[in-house]
Amino acid sequence: MIPSQYLSPNERLNLILPRITSEDFLHNKGLGNEIGFHIFDYPAEEEDKVRDFVSTVIEPALAKPPHSLRFHNVNLFELVIGLLQERKLYDKVLEMQRSKGSNAALPGLRSVLKEDKLARYLADRIDIKSLDLLLLTGVGAAYPMVRVHTLLNGLHAVMQDTPLVVFYPGRYDGTALRLFGQSSERNDVNAPYYRAFQLLK
């Protein structure tokens, strides 16, 4: 089999559905007792194409025979906005961003969007145990309010046996997440993370 990094963007997209509907994937086989977190990485400039593919190809196919899977697509950016609105913080954050800039608004969000709180907020709105599969999109739009590696750490306690697929606009090599393809050793968009699998090899 040709390694996925040598395939075209369209060829890689077309491999997603067979992979996530396979019995091995849905039942977390071959993961060595690790939790079923999988990352589909792609160049950030392909965001629109990937988003459209998920909504127009993957989701309809998952919902109907022969698959008929119970799944949910969580847009991380929309999840964050929902939490801020529920806490009556959304308008305050926008006003601070307008008046003082994004960097001034971020520190006040840290405690509200702490990974365990955001993971619990997600779990309170979705019956994860009843799903065959959970998709996570909107990752790039949610940065820097949320960093995926910290959210994944928070989700360990709530996902149980439900496989998770993160659509990630950057690079994941099995040891580090590099949002938007950044390659510096340590910065806000580059973080060590070892507890997820590459969706496509």
N, C-alpha and C. Protein backbone atom coordinates (compact mmCIF):
# COMPACT_ATOMS: atom_id res chain seq x y z
N MET A 1 0.84 -1.19 0.00
CA MET A 1 0.00 0.00 0.00
C MET A 1 0.88 1.25 0.00
N ILE A 2 0.51 2.24 -0.80
CA ILE A 2 1.27 3.48 -0.87
C ILE A 2 1.04 4.29 0.40
N PRO A 3 2.11 4.75 1.09
CA PRO A 3 1.93 5.60 2.27
C PRO A 3 1.08 6.82 1.93
N SER A 4 0.21 7.21 2.85
CA SER A 4 -0.77 8.25 2.53
C SER A 4 -0.14 9.59 2.23
N GLN A 5 1.10 9.84 2.74
CA GLN A 5 1.71 11.14 2.48
C GLN A 5 2.09 11.32 1.01
N TYR A 6 2.10 10.22 0.27
CA TYR A 6 2.42 10.31 -1.16
C TYR A 6 1.17 10.38 -2.03
N LEU A 7 0.01 10.37 -1.42
CA LEU A 7 -1.22 10.44 -2.18
C LEU A 7 -1.67 11.89 -2.34
N SER A 8 -2.51 12.12 -3.31
CA SER A 8 -3.07 13.46 -3.51
C SER A 8 -4.09 13.75 -2.41
N PRO A 9 -4.42 15.03 -2.16
CA PRO A 9 -5.44 15.34 -1.16
C PRO A 9 -6.75 14.60 -1.39
N ASN A 10 -7.19 14.52 -2.63
CA ASN A 10 -8.46 13.82 -2.92
C ASN A 10 -8.35 12.33 -2.63
N GLU A 11 -7.20 11.74 -2.95
CA GLU A 11 -7.01 10.31 -2.68
C GLU A 11 -7.03 10.03 -1.18
N ARG A 12 -6.42 10.91 -0.41
CA ARG A 12 -6.43 10.74 1.05
C ARG A 12 -7.85 10.87 1.60
N LEU A 13 -8.60 11.85 1.11
CA LEU A 13 -9.97 12.02 1.57
C LEU A 13 -10.81 10.78 1.28
N ASN A 14 -10.59 10.19 0.14
CA ASN A 14 -11.38 9.02 -0.25
C ASN A 14 -11.05 7.77 0.57
N LEU A 15 -9.95 7.81 1.31
CA LEU A 15 -9.60 6.68 2.17
C LEU A 15 -10.26 6.76 3.54
N ILE A 16 -10.80 7.93 3.88
CA ILE A 16 -11.34 8.11 5.23
C ILE A 16 -12.53 7.20 5.50
N LEU A 17 -13.51 7.21 4.62
CA LEU A 17 -14.75 6.46 4.88
C LEU A 17 -14.50 4.96 5.04
N PRO A 18 -13.75 4.31 4.13
CA PRO A 18 -13.48 2.88 4.36
C PRO A 18 -12.78 2.61 5.68
N ARG A 19 -11.91 3.52 6.07
CA ARG A 19 -11.18 3.32 7.32
C ARG A 19 -12.10 3.42 8.54
N ILE A 20 -12.91 4.47 8.61
CA ILE A 20 -13.69 4.70 9.83
C ILE A 20 -14.96 3.85 9.91
N THR A 21 -15.27 3.13 8.84
CA THR A 21 -16.41 2.21 8.89
C THR A 21 -15.98 0.76 9.00
N SER A 22 -14.68 0.53 9.10
CA SER A 22 -14.19 -0.84 9.23
C SER A 22 -14.46 -1.37 10.63
N GLU A 23 -14.63 -2.66 10.75
CA GLU A 23 -14.89 -3.28 12.04
C GLU A 23 -13.73 -3.08 13.01
N ASP A 24 -12.52 -3.18 12.50
CA ASP A 24 -11.35 -2.99 13.36
C ASP A 24 -11.36 -1.60 13.97
N PHE A 25 -11.67 -0.60 13.16
CA PHE A 25 -11.69 0.77 13.65
C PHE A 25 -12.80 0.98 14.67
N LEU A 26 -13.99 0.56 14.36
CA LEU A 26 -15.14 0.81 15.22
C LEU A 26 -15.05 0.07 16.55
N HIS A 27 -14.27 -1.01 16.58
CA HIS A 27 -14.14 -1.78 17.82
C HIS A 27 -12.74 -1.65 18.43
N ASN A 28 -11.99 -0.63 17.98
CA ASN A 28 -10.68 -0.31 18.57
C ASN A 28 -9.73 -1.50 18.60
N LYS A 29 -9.76 -2.30 17.54
CA LYS A 29 -8.88 -3.47 17.50
C LYS A 29 -7.47 -3.06 17.10
N GLY A 30 -6.51 -3.73 17.69
CA GLY A 30 -5.11 -3.50 17.33
C GLY A 30 -4.51 -2.25 17.91
N LEU A 31 -5.12 -1.66 18.95
CA LEU A 31 -4.61 -0.42 19.52
C LEU A 31 -3.79 -0.65 20.79
N GLY A 32 -3.62 -1.91 21.18
CA GLY A 32 -2.81 -2.19 22.36
C GLY A 32 -3.36 -1.57 23.62
N ASN A 33 -4.68 -1.64 23.79
CA ASN A 33 -5.37 -1.10 24.97
C ASN A 33 -5.32 0.42 25.07
N GLU A 34 -4.85 1.10 24.03
CA GLU A 34 -4.89 2.56 24.01
C GLU A 34 -6.30 3.02 23.64
N ILE A 35 -6.62 4.23 24.03
CA ILE A 35 -7.92 4.80 23.69
C ILE A 35 -7.96 5.10 22.19
N GLY A 36 -9.16 5.01 21.60
CA GLY A 36 -9.30 5.10 20.15
C GLY A 36 -9.37 6.53 19.62
N PHE A 37 -8.29 7.29 19.81
CA PHE A 37 -8.19 8.65 19.26
C PHE A 37 -7.39 8.59 17.97
N HIS A 38 -7.95 9.16 16.90
CA HIS A 38 -7.31 9.13 15.59
C HIS A 38 -7.29 10.53 15.01
N ILE A 39 -6.21 10.87 14.31
CA ILE A 39 -6.06 12.21 13.75
C ILE A 39 -5.87 12.13 12.25
N PHE A 40 -6.75 12.82 11.54
CA PHE A 40 -6.58 12.99 10.10
C PHE A 40 -5.99 14.38 9.89
N ASP A 41 -4.71 14.43 9.56
CA ASP A 41 -4.06 15.72 9.36
C ASP A 41 -4.04 16.09 7.89
N TYR A 42 -4.01 17.38 7.64
CA TYR A 42 -4.04 17.88 6.26
C TYR A 42 -3.52 19.31 6.27
N PRO A 43 -3.03 19.80 5.12
CA PRO A 43 -2.55 21.18 5.05
C PRO A 43 -3.68 22.15 5.36
N ALA A 44 -3.35 23.21 6.09
CA ALA A 44 -4.38 24.17 6.51
C ALA A 44 -5.10 24.78 5.32
N GLU A 45 -4.41 24.92 4.20
CA GLU A 45 -5.05 25.52 3.02
C GLU A 45 -6.13 24.61 2.41
N GLU A 46 -6.19 23.36 2.88
CA GLU A 46 -7.22 22.44 2.40
C GLU A 46 -8.46 22.45 3.30
N GLU A 47 -8.54 23.39 4.24
CA GLU A 47 -9.62 23.40 5.23
C GLU A 47 -11.00 23.39 4.59
N ASP A 48 -11.23 24.25 3.63
CA ASP A 48 -12.56 24.32 3.00
C ASP A 48 -12.92 23.01 2.32
N LYS A 49 -11.94 22.43 1.64
CA LYS A 49 -12.18 21.16 0.94
C LYS A 49 -12.51 20.04 1.92
N VAL A 50 -11.76 19.97 3.00
CA VAL A 50 -11.99 18.92 3.99
C VAL A 50 -13.34 19.11 4.68
N ARG A 51 -13.65 20.34 5.06
CA ARG A 51 -14.93 20.62 5.71
C ARG A 51 -16.10 20.23 4.81
N ASP A 52 -16.01 20.58 3.53
CA ASP A 52 -17.08 20.24 2.59
C ASP A 52 -17.18 18.73 2.40
N PHE A 53 -16.04 18.06 2.37
CA PHE A 53 -16.04 16.61 2.18
C PHE A 53 -16.70 15.91 3.37
N VAL A 54 -16.40 16.39 4.56
CA VAL A 54 -17.00 15.79 5.76
C VAL A 54 -18.52 15.95 5.73
N SER A 55 -18.99 17.15 5.37
CA SER A 55 -20.43 17.42 5.44
C SER A 55 -21.21 16.83 4.27
N THR A 56 -20.59 16.75 3.10
CA THR A 56 -21.34 16.31 1.92
C THR A 56 -21.10 14.85 1.53
N VAL A 57 -20.00 14.27 2.00
CA VAL A 57 -19.68 12.89 1.63
C VAL A 57 -19.68 11.98 2.87
N ILE A 58 -18.87 12.30 3.85
CA ILE A 58 -18.71 11.39 4.98
C ILE A 58 -19.97 11.29 5.83
N GLU A 59 -20.53 12.42 6.24
CA GLU A 59 -21.70 12.37 7.12
C GLU A 59 -22.90 11.68 6.46
N PRO A 60 -23.26 12.02 5.22
CA PRO A 60 -24.39 11.30 4.61
C PRO A 60 -24.14 9.81 4.47
N ALA A 61 -22.88 9.44 4.14
CA ALA A 61 -22.58 8.01 3.98
C ALA A 61 -22.65 7.26 5.30
N LEU A 62 -22.20 7.90 6.39
CA LEU A 62 -22.26 7.24 7.69
C LEU A 62 -23.70 7.02 8.15
N ALA A 63 -24.59 7.93 7.75
CA ALA A 63 -25.96 7.91 8.27
C ALA A 63 -26.86 6.89 7.58
N LYS A 64 -26.49 6.45 6.40
CA LYS A 64 -27.39 5.57 5.65
C LYS A 64 -26.77 4.20 5.42
N PRO A 65 -27.58 3.20 5.04
CA PRO A 65 -27.05 1.88 4.74
C PRO A 65 -26.00 1.97 3.64
N PRO A 66 -25.00 1.10 3.67
CA PRO A 66 -24.88 -0.07 4.56
C PRO A 66 -24.29 0.22 5.94
N HIS A 67 -23.91 1.48 6.20
CA HIS A 67 -23.23 1.77 7.46
C HIS A 67 -24.23 2.05 8.59
N SER A 68 -25.09 3.04 8.40
CA SER A 68 -26.12 3.39 9.39
C SER A 68 -25.53 3.51 10.80
N LEU A 69 -24.47 4.29 10.92
CA LEU A 69 -23.79 4.45 12.20
C LEU A 69 -24.39 5.58 13.02
N ARG A 70 -24.30 5.45 14.31
CA ARG A 70 -24.67 6.53 15.22
C ARG A 70 -23.42 7.37 15.44
N PHE A 71 -23.45 8.60 14.99
CA PHE A 71 -22.26 9.44 15.08
C PHE A 71 -22.68 10.87 15.35
N HIS A 72 -21.71 11.67 15.73
CA HIS A 72 -21.95 13.10 15.93
C HIS A 72 -20.70 13.85 15.50
N ASN A 73 -20.89 14.96 14.80
CA ASN A 73 -19.79 15.84 14.41
C ASN A 73 -19.80 17.05 15.32
N VAL A 74 -18.79 17.18 16.16
CA VAL A 74 -18.66 18.31 17.06
C VAL A 74 -17.72 19.34 16.42
N ASN A 75 -18.24 20.52 16.16
CA ASN A 75 -17.40 21.62 15.69
C ASN A 75 -16.83 22.30 16.93
N LEU A 76 -15.54 22.22 17.10
CA LEU A 76 -14.91 22.71 18.33
C LEU A 76 -15.13 24.22 18.51
N PHE A 77 -15.06 24.97 17.45
CA PHE A 77 -15.27 26.41 17.55
C PHE A 77 -16.70 26.71 18.02
N GLU A 78 -17.67 26.03 17.43
CA GLU A 78 -19.06 26.24 17.84
C GLU A 78 -19.30 25.78 19.28
N LEU A 79 -18.60 24.73 19.69
CA LEU A 79 -18.72 24.26 21.08
C LEU A 79 -18.23 25.34 22.05
N VAL A 80 -17.09 25.96 21.71
CA VAL A 80 -16.53 27.01 22.55
C VAL A 80 -17.48 28.21 22.62
N ILE A 81 -18.01 28.62 21.47
CA ILE A 81 -18.94 29.76 21.45
C ILE A 81 -20.17 29.45 22.30
N GLY A 82 -20.68 28.24 22.20
CA GLY A 82 -21.84 27.85 22.99
C GLY A 82 -21.58 27.92 24.48
N LEU A 83 -20.38 27.46 24.89
CA LEU A 83 -20.03 27.52 26.30
C LEU A 83 -19.91 28.96 26.79
N LEU A 84 -19.28 29.81 25.99
CA LEU A 84 -19.13 31.22 26.37
C LEU A 84 -20.48 31.92 26.46
N GLN A 85 -21.36 31.61 25.53
CA GLN A 85 -22.69 32.20 25.58
C GLN A 85 -23.46 31.73 26.80
N GLU A 86 -23.35 30.46 27.12
CA GLU A 86 -24.05 29.92 28.28
C GLU A 86 -23.56 30.56 29.57
N ARG A 87 -22.28 30.88 29.62
CA ARG A 87 -21.70 31.52 30.80
C ARG A 87 -21.83 33.05 30.76
N LYS A 88 -22.54 33.57 29.76
CA LYS A 88 -22.74 35.02 29.62
C LYS A 88 -21.41 35.76 29.43
N LEU A 89 -20.47 35.12 28.77
CA LEU A 89 -19.15 35.70 28.59
C LEU A 89 -18.85 36.11 27.14
N TYR A 90 -19.68 35.65 26.22
CA TYR A 90 -19.38 35.85 24.80
C TYR A 90 -19.27 37.34 24.44
N ASP A 91 -20.25 38.13 24.82
CA ASP A 91 -20.23 39.56 24.48
C ASP A 91 -19.07 40.26 25.18
N LYS A 92 -18.77 39.86 26.41
CA LYS A 92 -17.66 40.47 27.13
C LYS A 92 -16.33 40.18 26.44
N VAL A 93 -16.17 38.94 25.97
CA VAL A 93 -14.94 38.57 25.27
C VAL A 93 -14.80 39.36 23.98
N LEU A 94 -15.89 39.49 23.22
CA LEU A 94 -15.85 40.26 21.98
C LEU A 94 -15.48 41.72 22.24
N GLU A 95 -16.05 42.30 23.28
CA GLU A 95 -15.76 43.69 23.60
C GLU A 95 -14.31 43.87 24.01
N MET A 96 -13.79 42.96 24.80
CA MET A 96 -12.38 43.04 25.20
C MET A 96 -11.47 42.86 24.01
N GLN A 97 -11.85 41.95 23.11
CA GLN A 97 -11.05 41.73 21.91
C GLN A 97 -11.01 42.99 21.05
N ARG A 98 -12.16 43.66 20.93
CA ARG A 98 -12.23 44.89 20.13
C ARG A 98 -11.41 46.03 20.75
N SER A 99 -11.49 46.13 22.07
CA SER A 99 -10.87 47.27 22.73
C SER A 99 -9.40 47.07 23.08
N LYS A 100 -9.03 45.82 23.40
CA LYS A 100 -7.67 45.58 23.88
C LYS A 100 -6.88 44.56 23.05
N GLY A 101 -7.57 43.89 22.12
CA GLY A 101 -6.88 42.91 21.29
C GLY A 101 -7.08 41.49 21.78
N SER A 102 -6.81 40.55 20.89
CA SER A 102 -7.04 39.14 21.21
C SER A 102 -6.18 38.65 22.36
N ASN A 103 -4.93 39.10 22.41
CA ASN A 103 -4.03 38.62 23.46
C ASN A 103 -4.52 39.00 24.85
N ALA A 104 -5.20 40.13 24.95
CA ALA A 104 -5.73 40.56 26.25
C ALA A 104 -6.94 39.73 26.65
N ALA A 105 -7.68 39.24 25.67
CA ALA A 105 -8.90 38.48 25.97
C ALA A 105 -8.60 37.04 26.37
N LEU A 106 -7.49 36.49 25.91
CA LEU A 106 -7.22 35.07 26.11
C LEU A 106 -7.04 34.66 27.57
N PRO A 107 -6.28 35.40 28.38
CA PRO A 107 -6.07 34.93 29.76
C PRO A 107 -7.36 34.70 30.54
N GLY A 108 -8.36 35.51 30.30
CA GLY A 108 -9.62 35.34 31.00
C GLY A 108 -10.40 34.11 30.58
N LEU A 109 -10.03 33.53 29.44
CA LEU A 109 -10.72 32.34 28.94
C LEU A 109 -10.12 31.05 29.46
N ARG A 110 -8.89 31.13 29.97
CA ARG A 110 -8.17 29.91 30.33
C ARG A 110 -8.95 29.03 31.31
N SER A 111 -9.46 29.64 32.36
CA SER A 111 -10.14 28.83 33.37
C SER A 111 -11.48 28.30 32.86
N VAL A 112 -12.16 29.10 32.04
CA VAL A 112 -13.46 28.68 31.51
C VAL A 112 -13.29 27.53 30.52
N LEU A 113 -12.23 27.60 29.72
CA LEU A 113 -12.02 26.61 28.66
C LEU A 113 -10.97 25.57 29.04
N LYS A 114 -10.72 25.42 30.31
CA LYS A 114 -9.79 24.39 30.75
C LYS A 114 -10.24 23.04 30.21
N GLU A 115 -9.28 22.20 29.85
CA GLU A 115 -9.60 20.99 29.08
C GLU A 115 -10.62 20.09 29.75
N ASP A 116 -10.53 19.90 31.07
CA ASP A 116 -11.49 19.01 31.72
C ASP A 116 -12.89 19.61 31.72
N LYS A 117 -13.00 20.93 31.83
CA LYS A 117 -14.31 21.58 31.81
C LYS A 117 -14.93 21.52 30.41
N LEU A 118 -14.12 21.74 29.39
CA LEU A 118 -14.64 21.70 28.03
C LEU A 118 -15.03 20.28 27.65
N ALA A 119 -14.23 19.31 28.06
CA ALA A 119 -14.56 17.91 27.79
C ALA A 119 -15.87 17.52 28.46
N ARG A 120 -16.06 17.98 29.69
CA ARG A 120 -17.30 17.67 30.40
C ARG A 120 -18.49 18.37 29.76
N TYR A 121 -18.28 19.60 29.30
CA TYR A 121 -19.33 20.34 28.61
C TYR A 121 -19.77 19.58 27.36
N LEU A 122 -18.81 19.06 26.64
CA LEU A 122 -19.12 18.25 25.45
C LEU A 122 -19.90 17.00 25.84
N ALA A 123 -19.41 16.31 26.86
CA ALA A 123 -20.04 15.05 27.27
C ALA A 123 -21.44 15.26 27.83
N ASP A 124 -21.67 16.43 28.42
CA ASP A 124 -23.00 16.70 28.97
C ASP A 124 -24.04 16.93 27.88
N ARG A 125 -23.59 17.25 26.67
CA ARG A 125 -24.52 17.56 25.58
C ARG A 125 -24.66 16.43 24.58
N ILE A 126 -23.77 15.49 24.65
CA ILE A 126 -23.80 14.36 23.71
C ILE A 126 -23.67 13.06 24.51
N ASP A 127 -24.54 12.12 24.23
CA ASP A 127 -24.46 10.82 24.88
C ASP A 127 -23.39 9.99 24.16
N ILE A 128 -22.16 10.21 24.56
CA ILE A 128 -21.03 9.60 23.85
C ILE A 128 -21.11 8.08 23.85
N LYS A 129 -21.55 7.52 24.96
CA LYS A 129 -21.61 6.05 25.06
C LYS A 129 -22.55 5.43 24.04
N SER A 130 -23.53 6.21 23.56
CA SER A 130 -24.50 5.67 22.61
C SER A 130 -24.00 5.76 21.17
N LEU A 131 -22.85 6.41 20.95
CA LEU A 131 -22.35 6.62 19.60
C LEU A 131 -21.42 5.50 19.16
N ASP A 132 -21.40 5.30 17.84
CA ASP A 132 -20.39 4.42 17.24
C ASP A 132 -19.12 5.18 16.95
N LEU A 133 -19.25 6.51 16.82
CA LEU A 133 -18.14 7.31 16.32
C LEU A 133 -18.38 8.78 16.63
N LEU A 134 -17.31 9.49 17.01
CA LEU A 134 -17.38 10.93 17.22
C LEU A 134 -16.37 11.62 16.32
N LEU A 135 -16.82 12.64 15.60
CA LEU A 135 -15.95 13.43 14.74
C LEU A 135 -15.71 14.79 15.40
N LEU A 136 -14.50 15.31 15.28
CA LEU A 136 -14.18 16.62 15.83
C LEU A 136 -13.61 17.50 14.72
N THR A 137 -14.33 18.58 14.40
CA THR A 137 -13.90 19.51 13.36
C THR A 137 -13.79 20.91 13.98
N GLY A 138 -13.46 21.92 13.15
CA GLY A 138 -13.39 23.29 13.65
C GLY A 138 -12.20 23.56 14.55
N VAL A 139 -11.18 22.73 14.45
CA VAL A 139 -10.02 22.83 15.34
C VAL A 139 -9.23 24.12 15.09
N GLY A 140 -8.99 24.43 13.83
CA GLY A 140 -8.21 25.61 13.52
C GLY A 140 -8.90 26.89 13.95
N ALA A 141 -10.21 26.96 13.76
CA ALA A 141 -10.96 28.16 14.12
C ALA A 141 -10.97 28.37 15.63
N ALA A 142 -10.87 27.30 16.40
CA ALA A 142 -10.91 27.40 17.87
C ALA A 142 -9.57 27.82 18.48
N TYR A 143 -8.51 27.76 17.71
CA TYR A 143 -7.20 28.17 18.21
C TYR A 143 -7.10 29.70 18.18
N PRO A 144 -6.50 30.35 19.20
CA PRO A 144 -5.77 29.78 20.33
C PRO A 144 -6.61 29.62 21.60
N MET A 145 -7.93 29.74 21.48
CA MET A 145 -8.76 29.56 22.68
C MET A 145 -8.63 28.15 23.25
N VAL A 146 -8.52 27.18 22.34
CA VAL A 146 -8.40 25.78 22.76
C VAL A 146 -7.25 25.15 21.99
N ARG A 147 -6.44 24.40 22.69
CA ARG A 147 -5.37 23.64 22.05
C ARG A 147 -5.75 22.17 22.08
N VAL A 148 -5.65 21.54 20.94
CA VAL A 148 -6.19 20.19 20.80
C VAL A 148 -5.54 19.20 21.75
N HIS A 149 -4.23 19.29 21.95
CA HIS A 149 -3.60 18.29 22.81
C HIS A 149 -4.13 18.34 24.23
N THR A 150 -4.47 19.54 24.73
CA THR A 150 -5.02 19.62 26.08
C THR A 150 -6.46 19.12 26.11
N LEU A 151 -7.23 19.41 25.06
CA LEU A 151 -8.60 18.91 25.00
C LEU A 151 -8.61 17.38 24.95
N LEU A 152 -7.73 16.79 24.15
CA LEU A 152 -7.68 15.34 24.08
C LEU A 152 -7.35 14.73 25.44
N ASN A 153 -6.45 15.37 26.17
CA ASN A 153 -6.16 14.89 27.52
C ASN A 153 -7.42 14.90 28.38
N GLY A 154 -8.22 15.96 28.25
CA GLY A 154 -9.47 16.04 29.01
C GLY A 154 -10.50 15.02 28.57
N LEU A 155 -10.48 14.66 27.29
CA LEU A 155 -11.47 13.72 26.76
C LEU A 155 -11.18 12.27 27.13
N HIS A 156 -9.96 11.98 27.58
CA HIS A 156 -9.64 10.59 27.95
C HIS A 156 -10.65 10.03 28.94
N ALA A 157 -11.10 10.88 29.85
CA ALA A 157 -11.98 10.40 30.91
C ALA A 157 -13.42 10.21 30.47
N VAL A 158 -13.81 10.77 29.33
CA VAL A 158 -15.23 10.73 28.94
C VAL A 158 -15.51 9.91 27.68
N MET A 159 -14.50 9.60 26.89
CA MET A 159 -14.75 8.93 25.61
C MET A 159 -15.00 7.44 25.76
N GLN A 160 -14.38 6.80 26.74
CA GLN A 160 -14.51 5.36 26.95
C GLN A 160 -14.15 4.60 25.68
N ASP A 161 -15.08 3.80 25.12
CA ASP A 161 -14.73 2.97 23.97
C ASP A 161 -15.15 3.58 22.63
N THR A 162 -15.66 4.79 22.63
CA THR A 162 -16.12 5.41 21.38
C THR A 162 -14.94 5.99 20.62
N PRO A 163 -14.72 5.55 19.37
CA PRO A 163 -13.61 6.10 18.59
C PRO A 163 -13.83 7.58 18.28
N LEU A 164 -12.73 8.32 18.25
CA LEU A 164 -12.75 9.75 17.96
C LEU A 164 -11.85 10.02 16.77
N VAL A 165 -12.36 10.81 15.81
CA VAL A 165 -11.55 11.25 14.67
C VAL A 165 -11.45 12.77 14.72
N VAL A 166 -10.24 13.26 14.82
CA VAL A 166 -9.98 14.70 14.83
C VAL A 166 -9.51 15.12 13.45
N PHE A 167 -10.21 16.07 12.85
CA PHE A 167 -9.79 16.62 11.56
C PHE A 167 -8.89 17.82 11.86
N TYR A 168 -7.59 17.65 11.55
CA TYR A 168 -6.56 18.53 12.09
C TYR A 168 -5.81 19.27 10.99
N PRO A 169 -5.98 20.60 10.91
CA PRO A 169 -5.30 21.39 9.88
C PRO A 169 -3.85 21.66 10.24
N GLY A 170 -3.04 20.66 10.06
CA GLY A 170 -1.63 20.77 10.41
C GLY A 170 -0.95 19.44 10.18
N ARG A 171 -0.02 19.10 11.04
CA ARG A 171 0.72 17.86 10.89
C ARG A 171 0.72 17.09 12.20
N TYR A 172 0.56 15.77 12.07
CA TYR A 172 0.70 14.89 13.22
C TYR A 172 1.53 13.69 12.79
N ASP A 173 2.65 13.50 13.46
CA ASP A 173 3.55 12.41 13.08
C ASP A 173 3.54 11.26 14.08
N GLY A 174 2.58 11.28 14.98
CA GLY A 174 2.50 10.24 15.99
C GLY A 174 3.17 10.63 17.30
N THR A 175 3.90 11.72 17.30
CA THR A 175 4.56 12.18 18.52
C THR A 175 4.29 13.64 18.84
N ALA A 176 3.93 14.44 17.83
CA ALA A 176 3.69 15.86 18.08
C ALA A 176 2.62 16.39 17.14
N LEU A 177 1.82 17.30 17.68
CA LEU A 177 0.81 18.01 16.91
C LEU A 177 1.37 19.36 16.49
N ARG A 178 1.30 19.66 15.20
CA ARG A 178 1.83 20.93 14.70
C ARG A 178 0.72 21.64 13.93
N LEU A 179 -0.04 22.44 14.64
CA LEU A 179 -1.16 23.14 14.02
C LEU A 179 -0.67 24.08 12.94
N PHE A 180 -1.36 24.10 11.80
CA PHE A 180 -1.02 24.93 10.65
C PHE A 180 0.36 24.58 10.08
N GLY A 181 0.90 23.40 10.44
CA GLY A 181 2.16 22.96 9.87
C GLY A 181 3.39 23.58 10.48
N GLN A 182 3.27 24.26 11.62
CA GLN A 182 4.43 24.86 12.26
C GLN A 182 5.42 23.78 12.64
N SER A 183 6.72 24.10 12.59
CA SER A 183 7.73 23.09 12.84
C SER A 183 8.71 23.46 13.94
N SER A 184 8.53 24.60 14.61
CA SER A 184 9.46 24.96 15.67
C SER A 184 9.33 23.97 16.83
N GLU A 185 10.38 23.86 17.61
CA GLU A 185 10.43 22.82 18.63
C GLU A 185 9.32 22.94 19.66
N ARG A 186 9.16 24.11 20.27
CA ARG A 186 8.13 24.26 21.29
C ARG A 186 7.49 25.64 21.17
N ASN A 187 6.25 25.67 20.81
CA ASN A 187 5.50 26.92 20.84
C ASN A 187 4.02 26.57 21.01
N ASP A 188 3.17 27.56 20.97
CA ASP A 188 1.76 27.32 21.26
C ASP A 188 1.07 26.41 20.25
N VAL A 189 1.59 26.33 19.03
CA VAL A 189 0.91 25.52 18.02
C VAL A 189 1.68 24.23 17.75
N ASN A 190 2.61 23.89 18.63
CA ASN A 190 3.39 22.67 18.45
C ASN A 190 3.52 22.00 19.81
N ALA A 191 2.90 20.85 19.97
CA ALA A 191 2.90 20.24 21.29
C ALA A 191 3.11 18.74 21.21
N PRO A 192 3.94 18.18 22.10
CA PRO A 192 4.09 16.73 22.16
C PRO A 192 2.76 16.07 22.46
N TYR A 193 2.45 15.03 21.73
CA TYR A 193 1.25 14.26 22.03
C TYR A 193 1.43 12.86 21.46
N TYR A 194 1.26 11.87 22.31
CA TYR A 194 1.59 10.50 21.92
C TYR A 194 0.40 9.55 21.96
N ARG A 195 -0.74 10.02 22.44
CA ARG A 195 -1.83 9.09 22.70
C ARG A 195 -2.93 9.13 21.64
N ALA A 196 -2.54 9.41 20.42
CA ALA A 196 -3.48 9.33 19.30
C ALA A 196 -2.78 8.60 18.16
N PHE A 197 -3.57 8.06 17.27
CA PHE A 197 -3.04 7.32 16.13
C PHE A 197 -3.30 8.13 14.86
N GLN A 198 -2.40 8.01 13.91
CA GLN A 198 -2.64 8.60 12.61
C GLN A 198 -3.76 7.81 11.93
N LEU A 199 -4.79 8.50 11.47
CA LEU A 199 -5.91 7.81 10.85
C LEU A 199 -5.47 7.04 9.62
N LEU A 200 -4.61 7.65 8.84
CA LEU A 200 -4.08 7.02 7.63
C LEU A 200 -2.57 6.92 7.76
N LYS A 201 -2.05 5.78 7.47
CA LYS A 201 -0.60 5.57 7.54
C LYS A 201 0.07 6.07 6.28
